[in-house]
C-alpha atoms as a PDB file:
ATOM      1  CA  UNK A   1      28.121 -25.589 -21.045  1.00  0.00           C
ATOM      2  CA  UNK A   2      26.951 -28.887 -19.631  1.00  0.00           C
ATOM      3  CA  UNK A   3      28.245 -30.113 -16.283  1.00  0.00           C
ATOM      4  CA  UNK A   4      28.243 -33.821 -15.518  1.00  0.00           C
ATOM      5  CA  UNK A   5      27.996 -34.007 -11.727  1.00  0.00           C
ATOM      6  CA  UNK A   6      27.833 -31.995  -8.515  1.00  0.00           C
ATOM      7  CA  UNK A   7      31.606 -32.234  -8.279  1.00  0.00           C
ATOM      8  CA  UNK A   8      31.885 -30.064 -11.411  1.00  0.00           C
ATOM      9  CA  UNK A   9      30.203 -27.134  -9.622  1.00  0.00           C
ATOM     10  CA  UNK A  10      32.845 -24.643  -8.562  1.00  0.00           C
ATOM     11  CA  UNK A  11      32.792 -21.451  -6.541  1.00  0.00           C
ATOM     12  CA  UNK A  12      32.551 -19.517  -9.812  1.00  0.00           C
ATOM     13  CA  UNK A  13      28.796 -20.144  -9.726  1.00  0.00           C
ATOM     14  CA  UNK A  14      27.165 -17.424  -7.643  1.00  0.00           C
ATOM     15  CA  UNK A  15      23.616 -18.075  -8.887  1.00  0.00           C
ATOM     16  CA  UNK A  16      22.180 -21.596  -8.885  1.00  0.00           C
ATOM     17  CA  UNK A  17      18.683 -22.334 -10.187  1.00  0.00           C
ATOM     18  CA  UNK A  18      16.794 -25.528  -9.345  1.00  0.00           C
ATOM     19  CA  UNK A  19      14.384 -26.595 -12.063  1.00  0.00           C
ATOM     20  CA  UNK A  20      12.092 -29.577 -11.436  1.00  0.00           C
ATOM     21  CA  UNK A  21      11.662 -30.118 -15.200  1.00  0.00           C
ATOM     22  CA  UNK A  22      13.508 -28.893 -18.249  1.00  0.00           C
ATOM     23  CA  UNK A  23      11.398 -25.787 -18.870  1.00  0.00           C
ATOM     24  CA  UNK A  24      10.484 -24.565 -15.379  1.00  0.00           C
ATOM     25  CA  UNK A  25      13.351 -22.154 -14.721  1.00  0.00           C
ATOM     26  CA  UNK A  26      13.250 -20.688 -18.228  1.00  0.00           C
ATOM     27  CA  UNK A  27       9.474 -20.200 -18.061  1.00  0.00           C
ATOM     28  CA  UNK A  28       9.757 -18.535 -14.639  1.00  0.00           C
ATOM     29  CA  UNK A  29      13.162 -16.849 -14.266  1.00  0.00           C
ATOM     30  CA  UNK A  30      14.881 -16.324 -17.617  1.00  0.00           C
ATOM     31  CA  UNK A  31      14.557 -12.548 -17.412  1.00  0.00           C
ATOM     32  CA  UNK A  32      16.579 -12.581 -14.190  1.00  0.00           C
ATOM     33  CA  UNK A  33      19.107 -14.979 -15.711  1.00  0.00           C
ATOM     34  CA  UNK A  34      19.512 -12.620 -18.652  1.00  0.00           C
ATOM     35  CA  UNK A  35      20.155  -9.677 -16.334  1.00  0.00           C
ATOM     36  CA  UNK A  36      22.781 -11.658 -14.425  1.00  0.00           C
ATOM     37  CA  UNK A  37      24.514 -12.646 -17.656  1.00  0.00           C
ATOM     38  CA  UNK A  38      24.567  -8.998 -18.741  1.00  0.00           C
ATOM     39  CA  UNK A  39      26.421  -8.228 -15.504  1.00  0.00           C
ATOM     40  CA  UNK A  40      29.083 -10.800 -16.356  1.00  0.00           C
ATOM     41  CA  UNK A  41      27.871 -13.815 -14.376  1.00  0.00           C
ATOM     42  CA  UNK A  42      27.377 -17.392 -15.557  1.00  0.00           C
ATOM     43  CA  UNK A  43      24.266 -18.797 -13.817  1.00  0.00           C
ATOM     44  CA  UNK A  44      23.863 -22.542 -13.365  1.00  0.00           C
ATOM     45  CA  UNK A  45      20.583 -24.393 -13.893  1.00  0.00           C
ATOM     46  CA  UNK A  46      20.219 -27.798 -12.216  1.00  0.00           C
ATOM     47  CA  UNK A  47      17.318 -29.794 -13.648  1.00  0.00           C
ATOM     48  CA  UNK A  48      16.291 -32.410 -11.114  1.00  0.00           C
ATOM     49  CA  UNK A  49      13.960 -34.758 -12.992  1.00  0.00           C
ATOM     50  CA  UNK A  50      16.053 -35.144 -16.134  1.00  0.00           C
ATOM     51  CA  UNK A  51      16.810 -38.869 -15.956  1.00  0.00           C
ATOM     52  CA  UNK A  52      16.489 -41.105 -19.007  1.00  0.00           C
ATOM     53  CA  UNK A  53      14.100 -44.033 -18.438  1.00  0.00           C
ATOM     54  CA  UNK A  54      15.014 -47.543 -19.441  1.00  0.00           C
ATOM     55  CA  UNK A  55      13.930 -48.605 -22.920  1.00  0.00           C
ATOM     56  CA  UNK A  56      12.274 -51.585 -21.196  1.00  0.00           C
ATOM     57  CA  UNK A  57       9.954 -49.370 -19.145  1.00  0.00           C
ATOM     58  CA  UNK A  58       6.310 -50.107 -19.803  1.00  0.00           C
ATOM     59  CA  UNK A  59       4.579 -46.758 -19.881  1.00  0.00           C
ATOM     60  CA  UNK A  60       1.250 -45.953 -18.301  1.00  0.00           C
ATOM     61  CA  UNK A  61      -1.536 -44.623 -20.495  1.00  0.00           C
ATOM     62  CA  UNK A  62      -1.014 -41.275 -18.765  1.00  0.00           C
ATOM     63  CA  UNK A  63       2.626 -41.175 -19.889  1.00  0.00           C
ATOM     64  CA  UNK A  64       1.583 -42.025 -23.445  1.00  0.00           C
ATOM     65  CA  UNK A  65      -0.940 -39.190 -23.351  1.00  0.00           C
ATOM     66  CA  UNK A  66       1.775 -36.773 -22.302  1.00  0.00           C
ATOM     67  CA  UNK A  67       4.013 -37.946 -25.126  1.00  0.00           C
ATOM     68  CA  UNK A  68       1.144 -37.371 -27.520  1.00  0.00           C
ATOM     69  CA  UNK A  69       0.468 -33.863 -26.208  1.00  0.00           C
ATOM     70  CA  UNK A  70       4.158 -33.130 -26.756  1.00  0.00           C
ATOM     71  CA  UNK A  71       3.842 -34.232 -30.369  1.00  0.00           C
ATOM     72  CA  UNK A  72       6.028 -37.319 -30.171  1.00  0.00           C
ATOM     73  CA  UNK A  73       3.481 -39.860 -31.428  1.00  0.00           C
ATOM     74  CA  UNK A  74       0.590 -38.974 -33.717  1.00  0.00           C
ATOM     75  CA  UNK A  75      -0.475 -42.626 -34.056  1.00  0.00           C
ATOM     76  CA  UNK A  76      -0.926 -42.683 -30.294  1.00  0.00           C
ATOM     77  CA  UNK A  77      -3.226 -39.707 -30.579  1.00  0.00           C
ATOM     78  CA  UNK A  78      -5.686 -41.620 -32.722  1.00  0.00           C
ATOM     79  CA  UNK A  79      -5.829 -44.553 -30.318  1.00  0.00           C
ATOM     80  CA  UNK A  80      -6.149 -42.418 -27.198  1.00  0.00           C
ATOM     81  CA  UNK A  81      -8.945 -40.341 -28.720  1.00  0.00           C
ATOM     82  CA  UNK A  82     -10.918 -43.447 -29.692  1.00  0.00           C
ATOM     83  CA  UNK A  83     -13.833 -43.726 -27.303  1.00  0.00           C
ATOM     84  CA  UNK A  84     -14.567 -47.378 -27.857  1.00  0.00           C
ATOM     85  CA  UNK A  85     -14.557 -49.924 -25.071  1.00  0.00           C
ATOM     86  CA  UNK A  86     -13.706 -53.551 -24.664  1.00  0.00           C
ATOM     87  CA  UNK A  87     -10.693 -55.807 -24.894  1.00  0.00           C
ATOM     88  CA  UNK A  88      -9.500 -54.578 -28.298  1.00  0.00           C
ATOM     89  CA  UNK A  89      -9.079 -51.021 -27.086  1.00  0.00           C
ATOM     90  CA  UNK A  90      -7.347 -52.179 -23.898  1.00  0.00           C
ATOM     91  CA  UNK A  91      -4.920 -54.308 -25.919  1.00  0.00           C
ATOM     92  CA  UNK A  92      -4.186 -51.437 -28.301  1.00  0.00           C
ATOM     93  CA  UNK A  93      -3.363 -49.129 -25.417  1.00  0.00           C
ATOM     94  CA  UNK A  94      -1.174 -51.759 -23.728  1.00  0.00           C
ATOM     95  CA  UNK A  95       0.716 -52.307 -26.989  1.00  0.00           C
ATOM     96  CA  UNK A  96       1.171 -48.578 -27.312  1.00  0.00           C
ATOM     97  CA  UNK A  97       2.524 -48.261 -23.784  1.00  0.00           C
ATOM     98  CA  UNK A  98       5.015 -51.099 -24.220  1.00  0.00           C
ATOM     99  CA  UNK A  99       6.153 -49.891 -27.640  1.00  0.00           C
ATOM    100  CA  UNK A 100       7.072 -46.282 -26.875  1.00  0.00           C
ATOM    101  CA  UNK A 101      10.639 -45.387 -25.943  1.00  0.00           C
ATOM    102  CA  UNK A 102      10.523 -42.843 -23.129  1.00  0.00           C
ATOM    103  CA  UNK A 103      14.288 -42.491 -23.340  1.00  0.00           C
ATOM    104  CA  UNK A 104      14.004 -41.068 -26.844  1.00  0.00           C
ATOM    105  CA  UNK A 105      11.482 -38.509 -25.588  1.00  0.00           C
ATOM    106  CA  UNK A 106      13.760 -37.341 -22.765  1.00  0.00           C
ATOM    107  CA  UNK A 107      16.773 -37.162 -25.077  1.00  0.00           C
ATOM    108  CA  UNK A 108      14.747 -34.920 -27.391  1.00  0.00           C
ATOM    109  CA  UNK A 109      13.706 -32.733 -24.472  1.00  0.00           C
ATOM    110  CA  UNK A 110      17.317 -32.515 -23.303  1.00  0.00           C
ATOM    111  CA  UNK A 111      18.206 -31.103 -26.699  1.00  0.00           C
ATOM    112  CA  UNK A 112      15.515 -28.446 -26.285  1.00  0.00           C
ATOM    113  CA  UNK A 113      16.851 -27.599 -22.836  1.00  0.00           C
ATOM    114  CA  UNK A 114      20.455 -27.394 -23.999  1.00  0.00           C
ATOM    115  CA  UNK A 115      19.481 -25.080 -26.830  1.00  0.00           C
ATOM    116  CA  UNK A 116      17.457 -22.749 -24.577  1.00  0.00           C
ATOM    117  CA  UNK A 117      20.080 -22.523 -21.815  1.00  0.00           C
ATOM    118  CA  UNK A 118      22.926 -22.080 -24.292  1.00  0.00           C
ATOM    119  CA  UNK A 119      20.956 -19.218 -25.827  1.00  0.00           C
ATOM    120  CA  UNK A 120      20.654 -17.659 -22.356  1.00  0.00           C
ATOM    121  CA  UNK A 121      24.387 -18.284 -21.719  1.00  0.00           C
ATOM    122  CA  UNK A 122      23.645 -20.347 -18.624  1.00  0.00           C
ATOM    123  CA  UNK A 123      25.424 -23.587 -17.728  1.00  0.00           C
ATOM    124  CA  UNK A 124      23.392 -26.648 -16.858  1.00  0.00           C
ATOM    125  CA  UNK A 125      23.456 -29.945 -14.992  1.00  0.00           C
ATOM    126  CA  UNK A 126      20.933 -32.731 -15.534  1.00  0.00           C
ATOM    127  CA  UNK A 127      20.278 -35.020 -12.554  1.00  0.00           C
ATOM    128  CA  UNK A 128      19.196 -38.602 -13.092  1.00  0.00           C
ATOM    129  CA  UNK A 129      15.906 -38.666 -11.164  1.00  0.00           C
ATOM    130  CA  UNK A 130      12.990 -39.796 -13.337  1.00  0.00           C
ATOM    131  CA  UNK A 131      10.000 -37.551 -13.937  1.00  0.00           C
ATOM    132  CA  UNK A 132       6.841 -38.581 -12.075  1.00  0.00           C
ATOM    133  CA  UNK A 133       5.119 -40.192 -15.079  1.00  0.00           C
ATOM    134  CA  UNK A 134       8.027 -42.649 -15.399  1.00  0.00           C
ATOM    135  CA  UNK A 135       8.327 -43.701 -11.764  1.00  0.00           C
ATOM    136  CA  UNK A 136       7.100 -47.021 -10.435  1.00  0.00           C
ATOM    137  CA  UNK A 137       6.375 -50.396 -11.996  1.00  0.00           C
ATOM    138  CA  UNK A 138       3.466 -50.422 -12.223  1.00  0.00           C
ATOM    139  CA  UNK A 139       3.346 -46.631 -12.425  1.00  0.00           C
ATOM    140  CA  UNK A 140       2.722 -44.742  -9.183  1.00  0.00           C
ATOM    141  CA  UNK A 141       0.637 -42.044 -10.888  1.00  0.00           C
ATOM    142  CA  UNK A 142      -2.137 -42.813 -13.369  1.00  0.00           C
ATOM    143  CA  UNK A 143      -4.197 -39.617 -13.455  1.00  0.00           C
ATOM    144  CA  UNK A 144      -3.518 -35.954 -14.123  1.00  0.00           C
ATOM    145  CA  UNK A 145      -5.168 -35.120 -10.801  1.00  0.00           C
ATOM    146  CA  UNK A 146      -2.504 -37.190  -9.031  1.00  0.00           C
ATOM    147  CA  UNK A 147       0.330 -35.325 -10.762  1.00  0.00           C
ATOM    148  CA  UNK A 148      -0.973 -31.820 -10.088  1.00  0.00           C
ATOM    149  CA  UNK A 149      -2.423 -31.351  -6.634  1.00  0.00           C
ATOM    150  CA  UNK A 150      -2.016 -34.925  -5.472  1.00  0.00           C
ATOM    151  CA  UNK A 151       0.192 -36.430  -2.781  1.00  0.00           C
ATOM    152  CA  UNK A 152       3.709 -37.735  -3.312  1.00  0.00           C
ATOM    153  CA  UNK A 153       3.832 -41.533  -3.233  1.00  0.00           C
ATOM    154  CA  UNK A 154       5.693 -42.769  -0.113  1.00  0.00           C
ATOM    155  CA  UNK A 155       8.045 -44.712  -2.399  1.00  0.00           C
ATOM    156  CA  UNK A 156       9.241 -41.368  -3.807  1.00  0.00           C
ATOM    157  CA  UNK A 157      10.176 -39.795  -0.479  1.00  0.00           C
ATOM    158  CA  UNK A 158      13.769 -40.998  -0.796  1.00  0.00           C
ATOM    159  CA  UNK A 159      14.242 -38.535  -3.676  1.00  0.00           C
ATOM    160  CA  UNK A 160      13.499 -35.563  -1.430  1.00  0.00           C
ATOM    161  CA  UNK A 161      15.892 -36.824   1.260  1.00  0.00           C
ATOM    162  CA  UNK A 162      18.750 -37.551  -1.150  1.00  0.00           C
ATOM    163  CA  UNK A 163      18.296 -34.270  -2.995  1.00  0.00           C
ATOM    164  CA  UNK A 164      18.282 -32.332   0.289  1.00  0.00           C
ATOM    165  CA  UNK A 165      21.485 -34.082   1.350  1.00  0.00           C
ATOM    166  CA  UNK A 166      23.201 -33.253  -1.946  1.00  0.00           C
ATOM    167  CA  UNK A 167      22.091 -29.618  -1.786  1.00  0.00           C
ATOM    168  CA  UNK A 168      23.347 -29.245   1.789  1.00  0.00           C
ATOM    169  CA  UNK A 169      26.700 -30.738   0.811  1.00  0.00           C
ATOM    170  CA  UNK A 170      26.963 -28.299  -2.080  1.00  0.00           C
ATOM    171  CA  UNK A 171      25.967 -25.393   0.164  1.00  0.00           C
ATOM    172  CA  UNK A 172      28.862 -26.219   2.501  1.00  0.00           C
ATOM    173  CA  UNK A 173      31.247 -25.869  -0.454  1.00  0.00           C
ATOM    174  CA  UNK A 174      29.525 -22.743  -1.810  1.00  0.00           C
ATOM    175  CA  UNK A 175      28.172 -20.894   1.232  1.00  0.00           C
ATOM    176  CA  UNK A 176      27.862 -17.613  -0.678  1.00  0.00           C
ATOM    177  CA  UNK A 177      25.761 -18.941  -3.536  1.00  0.00           C
ATOM    178  CA  UNK A 178      22.262 -17.599  -4.159  1.00  0.00           C
ATOM    179  CA  UNK A 179      19.726 -20.384  -4.715  1.00  0.00           C
ATOM    180  CA  UNK A 180      16.582 -20.029  -6.812  1.00  0.00           C
ATOM    181  CA  UNK A 181      13.954 -22.721  -6.237  1.00  0.00           C
ATOM    182  CA  UNK A 182      10.271 -23.258  -7.033  1.00  0.00           C
ATOM    183  CA  UNK A 183       7.700 -21.886  -4.620  1.00  0.00           C
ATOM    184  CA  UNK A 184       5.551 -24.894  -5.500  1.00  0.00           C
ATOM    185  CA  UNK A 185       2.543 -23.086  -6.958  1.00  0.00           C
ATOM    186  CA  UNK A 186       0.146 -25.572  -8.526  1.00  0.00           C
ATOM    187  CA  UNK A 187       1.436 -28.427  -6.360  1.00  0.00           C
ATOM    188  CA  UNK A 188       2.857 -30.560  -9.163  1.00  0.00           C
ATOM    189  CA  UNK A 189       4.358 -33.615  -7.448  1.00  0.00           C
ATOM    190  CA  UNK A 190       7.867 -33.019  -8.775  1.00  0.00           C
ATOM    191  CA  UNK A 191       7.745 -29.362  -7.763  1.00  0.00           C
ATOM    192  CA  UNK A 192       6.591 -30.449  -4.292  1.00  0.00           C
ATOM    193  CA  UNK A 193       9.612 -32.723  -3.939  1.00  0.00           C
ATOM    194  CA  UNK A 194      12.092 -30.019  -4.942  1.00  0.00           C
ATOM    195  CA  UNK A 195      10.420 -27.400  -2.759  1.00  0.00           C
ATOM    196  CA  UNK A 196      10.504 -29.735   0.252  1.00  0.00           C
ATOM    197  CA  UNK A 197      14.174 -30.566  -0.321  1.00  0.00           C
ATOM    198  CA  UNK A 198      15.011 -26.855  -0.462  1.00  0.00           C
ATOM    199  CA  UNK A 199      13.521 -26.418   3.027  1.00  0.00           C
ATOM    200  CA  UNK A 200      16.746 -27.999   4.252  1.00  0.00           C
ATOM    201  CA  UNK A 201      18.755 -25.173   2.670  1.00  0.00           C
ATOM    202  CA  UNK A 202      16.490 -22.534   4.175  1.00  0.00           C
ATOM    203  CA  UNK A 203      16.826 -24.028   7.649  1.00  0.00           C
ATOM    204  CA  UNK A 204      20.628 -23.781   7.590  1.00  0.00           C
ATOM    205  CA  UNK A 205      20.538 -20.150   6.487  1.00  0.00           C
ATOM    206  CA  UNK A 206      21.295 -20.460   2.783  1.00  0.00           C
ATOM    207  CA  UNK A 207      20.352 -17.502   0.590  1.00  0.00           C
ATOM    208  CA  UNK A 208      17.215 -18.905  -1.048  1.00  0.00           C
ATOM    209  CA  UNK A 209      14.795 -17.086  -3.341  1.00  0.00           C
ATOM    210  CA  UNK A 210      11.589 -18.890  -4.289  1.00  0.00           C
ATOM    211  CA  UNK A 211      10.323 -18.245  -7.805  1.00  0.00           C
ATOM    212  CA  UNK A 212       6.741 -18.262  -9.003  1.00  0.00           C
ATOM    213  CA  UNK A 213       6.117 -21.454 -10.959  1.00  0.00           C
ATOM    214  CA  UNK A 214       4.977 -20.389 -14.416  1.00  0.00           C
ATOM    215  CA  UNK A 215       2.421 -20.903 -15.902  1.00  0.00           C
ATOM    216  CA  UNK A 216       0.743 -22.345 -12.764  1.00  0.00           C
ATOM    217  CA  UNK A 217       0.937 -18.915 -11.135  1.00  0.00           C
ATOM    218  CA  UNK A 218      -1.467 -17.322 -13.625  1.00  0.00           C
ATOM    219  CA  UNK A 219      -4.337 -19.485 -12.379  1.00  0.00           C
ATOM    220  CA  UNK A 220      -6.704 -17.446 -10.261  1.00  0.00           C
ATOM    221  CA  UNK A 221      -5.940 -17.795  -6.564  1.00  0.00           C
ATOM    222  CA  UNK A 222      -2.998 -20.189  -7.079  1.00  0.00           C
ATOM    223  CA  UNK A 223      -0.349 -17.846  -5.702  1.00  0.00           C
ATOM    224  CA  UNK A 224      -2.430 -16.824  -2.695  1.00  0.00           C
ATOM    225  CA  UNK A 225      -3.184 -20.442  -1.870  1.00  0.00           C
ATOM    226  CA  UNK A 226       0.492 -21.392  -1.967  1.00  0.00           C
ATOM    227  CA  UNK A 227       1.553 -18.440   0.173  1.00  0.00           C
ATOM    228  CA  UNK A 228      -1.062 -19.413   2.754  1.00  0.00           C
ATOM    229  CA  UNK A 229       0.182 -23.019   3.024  1.00  0.00           C
ATOM    230  CA  UNK A 230       3.912 -22.192   2.945  1.00  0.00           C
ATOM    231  CA  UNK A 231       6.064 -23.232   5.887  1.00  0.00           C
ATOM    232  CA  UNK A 232       7.706 -19.790   5.898  1.00  0.00           C
ATOM    233  CA  UNK A 233       6.753 -16.159   6.216  1.00  0.00           C
ATOM    234  CA  UNK A 234       7.580 -14.900   2.748  1.00  0.00           C
ATOM    235  CA  UNK A 235       8.611 -11.397   1.672  1.00  0.00           C
ATOM    236  CA  UNK A 236       8.452 -10.432  -2.026  1.00  0.00           C
ATOM    237  CA  UNK A 237      11.470  -9.201  -3.962  1.00  0.00           C
ATOM    238  CA  UNK A 238      11.035  -7.699  -7.445  1.00  0.00           C
ATOM    239  CA  UNK A 239      13.505  -7.862 -10.318  1.00  0.00           C
ATOM    240  CA  UNK A 240      12.976  -5.528 -13.283  1.00  0.00           C
ATOM    241  CA  UNK A 241      13.176  -7.437 -16.589  1.00  0.00           C
ATOM    242  CA  UNK A 242      12.048  -4.915 -19.200  1.00  0.00           C
ATOM    243  CA  UNK A 243      15.293  -5.356 -21.142  1.00  0.00           C
ATOM    244  CA  UNK A 244      15.442  -9.135 -20.803  1.00  0.00           C
ATOM    245  CA  UNK A 245      11.814 -10.279 -21.089  1.00  0.00           C
ATOM    246  CA  UNK A 246      12.398 -11.034 -24.769  1.00  0.00           C
ATOM    247  CA  UNK A 247      15.133 -13.499 -23.744  1.00  0.00           C
ATOM    248  CA  UNK A 248      12.660 -15.361 -21.523  1.00  0.00           C
ATOM    249  CA  UNK A 249      10.088 -15.492 -24.293  1.00  0.00           C
ATOM    250  CA  UNK A 250      12.527 -16.583 -26.992  1.00  0.00           C
ATOM    251  CA  UNK A 251      14.151 -19.233 -24.802  1.00  0.00           C
ATOM    252  CA  UNK A 252      10.718 -20.537 -23.741  1.00  0.00           C
ATOM    253  CA  UNK A 253       9.775 -20.954 -27.395  1.00  0.00           C
ATOM    254  CA  UNK A 254      12.696 -23.364 -27.802  1.00  0.00           C
ATOM    255  CA  UNK A 255      10.815 -25.943 -25.719  1.00  0.00           C
ATOM    256  CA  UNK A 256       8.672 -26.666 -28.739  1.00  0.00           C
ATOM    257  CA  UNK A 257       7.343 -29.962 -27.359  1.00  0.00           C
ATOM    258  CA  UNK A 258       5.852 -28.111 -24.387  1.00  0.00           C
ATOM    259  CA  UNK A 259       4.279 -25.048 -25.987  1.00  0.00           C
ATOM    260  CA  UNK A 260       0.953 -26.508 -27.059  1.00  0.00           C
ATOM    261  CA  UNK A 261       0.586 -28.608 -23.923  1.00  0.00           C
ATOM    262  CA  UNK A 262       1.156 -25.650 -21.591  1.00  0.00           C
ATOM    263  CA  UNK A 263      -0.418 -22.788 -23.512  1.00  0.00           C
ATOM    264  CA  UNK A 264      -3.200 -24.160 -25.731  1.00  0.00           C
ATOM    265  CA  UNK A 265      -5.882 -23.307 -23.172  1.00  0.00           C
ATOM    266  CA  UNK A 266      -4.337 -19.873 -22.670  1.00  0.00           C
ATOM    267  CA  UNK A 267      -4.595 -19.326 -26.432  1.00  0.00           C
ATOM    268  CA  UNK A 268      -8.280 -20.220 -26.353  1.00  0.00           C
ATOM    269  CA  UNK A 269      -8.891 -17.837 -23.464  1.00  0.00           C
ATOM    270  CA  UNK A 270      -7.146 -14.924 -25.158  1.00  0.00           C
ATOM    271  CA  UNK A 271      -8.815 -15.651 -28.488  1.00  0.00           C
ATOM    272  CA  UNK A 272     -12.259 -15.438 -26.907  1.00  0.00           C
ATOM    273  CA  UNK A 273     -11.373 -12.195 -25.116  1.00  0.00           C
ATOM    274  CA  UNK A 274      -9.885 -10.281 -28.036  1.00  0.00           C
ATOM    275  CA  UNK A 275     -11.989 -11.911 -30.773  1.00  0.00           C
ATOM    276  CA  UNK A 276      -8.829 -12.857 -32.644  1.00  0.00           C
ATOM    277  CA  UNK A 277      -7.334 -16.297 -33.107  1.00  0.00           C
ATOM    278  CA  UNK A 278      -3.994 -16.856 -31.360  1.00  0.00           C
ATOM    279  CA  UNK A 279      -1.859 -19.967 -31.541  1.00  0.00           C
ATOM    280  CA  UNK A 280      -0.131 -21.420 -28.480  1.00  0.00           C
ATOM    281  CA  UNK A 281       3.178 -19.675 -29.147  1.00  0.00           C
ATOM    282  CA  UNK A 282       1.536 -16.264 -29.519  1.00  0.00           C
ATOM    283  CA  UNK A 283      -0.426 -16.867 -26.326  1.00  0.00           C
ATOM    284  CA  UNK A 284       2.759 -17.823 -24.475  1.00  0.00           C
ATOM    285  CA  UNK A 285       4.459 -14.569 -25.488  1.00  0.00           C
ATOM    286  CA  UNK A 286       1.403 -12.553 -24.512  1.00  0.00           C
ATOM    287  CA  UNK A 287       0.780 -14.126 -21.127  1.00  0.00           C
ATOM    288  CA  UNK A 288       4.438 -13.809 -20.139  1.00  0.00           C
ATOM    289  CA  UNK A 289       4.285 -10.135 -21.021  1.00  0.00           C
ATOM    290  CA  UNK A 290       0.954  -9.568 -19.314  1.00  0.00           C
ATOM    291  CA  UNK A 291       1.863 -11.407 -16.124  1.00  0.00           C
ATOM    292  CA  UNK A 292       5.277  -9.808 -15.643  1.00  0.00           C
ATOM    293  CA  UNK A 293       3.656  -6.399 -16.117  1.00  0.00           C
ATOM    294  CA  UNK A 294       0.871  -7.203 -13.654  1.00  0.00           C
ATOM    295  CA  UNK A 295       3.476  -7.680 -10.902  1.00  0.00           C
ATOM    296  CA  UNK A 296       4.569  -4.042 -11.042  1.00  0.00           C
ATOM    297  CA  UNK A 297       2.603  -1.870  -8.588  1.00  0.00           C
ATOM    298  CA  UNK A 298       1.664   0.588 -11.339  1.00  0.00           C
ATOM    299  CA  UNK A 299       1.587  -1.992 -14.170  1.00  0.00           C
ATOM    300  CA  UNK A 300       4.134   0.046 -16.148  1.00  0.00           C
ATOM    301  CA  UNK A 301       7.232  -2.187 -15.971  1.00  0.00           C
ATOM    302  CA  UNK A 302       7.923  -5.874 -16.467  1.00  0.00           C
ATOM    303  CA  UNK A 303       9.019  -7.662 -13.288  1.00  0.00           C
ATOM    304  CA  UNK A 304       9.863 -11.127 -12.044  1.00  0.00           C
ATOM    305  CA  UNK A 305       8.980 -11.725  -8.409  1.00  0.00           C
ATOM    306  CA  UNK A 306      10.747 -13.891  -5.866  1.00  0.00           C
ATOM    307  CA  UNK A 307       9.722 -14.749  -2.339  1.00  0.00           C
ATOM    308  CA  UNK A 308      12.322 -14.602   0.414  1.00  0.00           C
ATOM    309  CA  UNK A 309      11.782 -16.969   3.365  1.00  0.00           C
ATOM    310  CA  UNK A 310      11.800 -15.297   6.751  1.00  0.00           C
ATOM    311  CA  UNK A 311      10.581 -16.621  10.063  1.00  0.00           C
ATOM    312  CA  UNK A 312       9.543 -20.260  10.105  1.00  0.00           C
ATOM    313  CA  UNK A 313       6.020 -21.219  11.019  1.00  0.00           C
ATOM    314  CA  UNK A 314       7.100 -23.798  13.555  1.00  0.00           C
ATOM    315  CA  UNK A 315       4.063 -25.998  13.207  1.00  0.00           C
ATOM    316  CA  UNK A 316       4.710 -26.460   9.471  1.00  0.00           C
ATOM    317  CA  UNK A 317       8.463 -26.912   9.172  1.00  0.00           C
ATOM    318  CA  UNK A 318      10.040 -30.349   9.429  1.00  0.00           C
ATOM    319  CA  UNK A 319      13.511 -30.121  11.010  1.00  0.00           C
ATOM    320  CA  UNK A 320      16.563 -31.241   9.034  1.00  0.00           C
ATOM    321  CA  UNK A 321      17.397 -34.803   9.951  1.00  0.00           C
END
């Protein structure tokens, strides 16, 4: 069931998941959601960067590339792959950016999200913040390296502050709720913003569990690096998902626009290792199974891992304003 605003969130919701983008919680936590549903609960997923851009927004070339990777514009693919130079190519790319409707892309992705969360029997709320590739005019972020591992533009800091305020207000109404939020592995800008906003909840004693951002977490050293830079001493908590892993995999498949973009390189890696060709969907199923099994101390069960904030590292935590 879709909620329309924070005011629709009642005390019936004991488990609240914060998802920077449409697929993040399903990719990372759907096994846990499935287990909670089996016990009779109705988890809520709040997707932060789910806003629909204006049809008048002139897209950056980076945004057009993302749309192409998602499969929304095959004509764009031909232009972006063309390696020519000069004014003609620049004009073609500018025409492409001004002609694409980002709103249509987000509406399509909302449909994917609604289908996946309905399948999991979780309720959902879409906030109106725009995803990073749609923010700014001209765009704040032009390169992939800025999106993943870069620094948040100062003009975007208001999002973190407003989100933190809204979360604190909701916490006052629902003091017993358990919050699931991204640990921030991979340092995607939008994940950074949500993770920073959640610090406000942690500081007031809310029950917060930080999930491992998937698939960023499978990159070698990514988890260790994030744990080292965290503002909190973190203690792991394991949730067994042997009976619900298939729900995570099936729901993840419903984000069809994201599968190739997120798992094509994984497919290539697996194909070279096992000497057998895998497509992106097969690779997604396999890496979810492999990673959840790798978490278990004896590698015999499938687990999802959460990190519980403990003592603050005073030199890293910004106090709630």
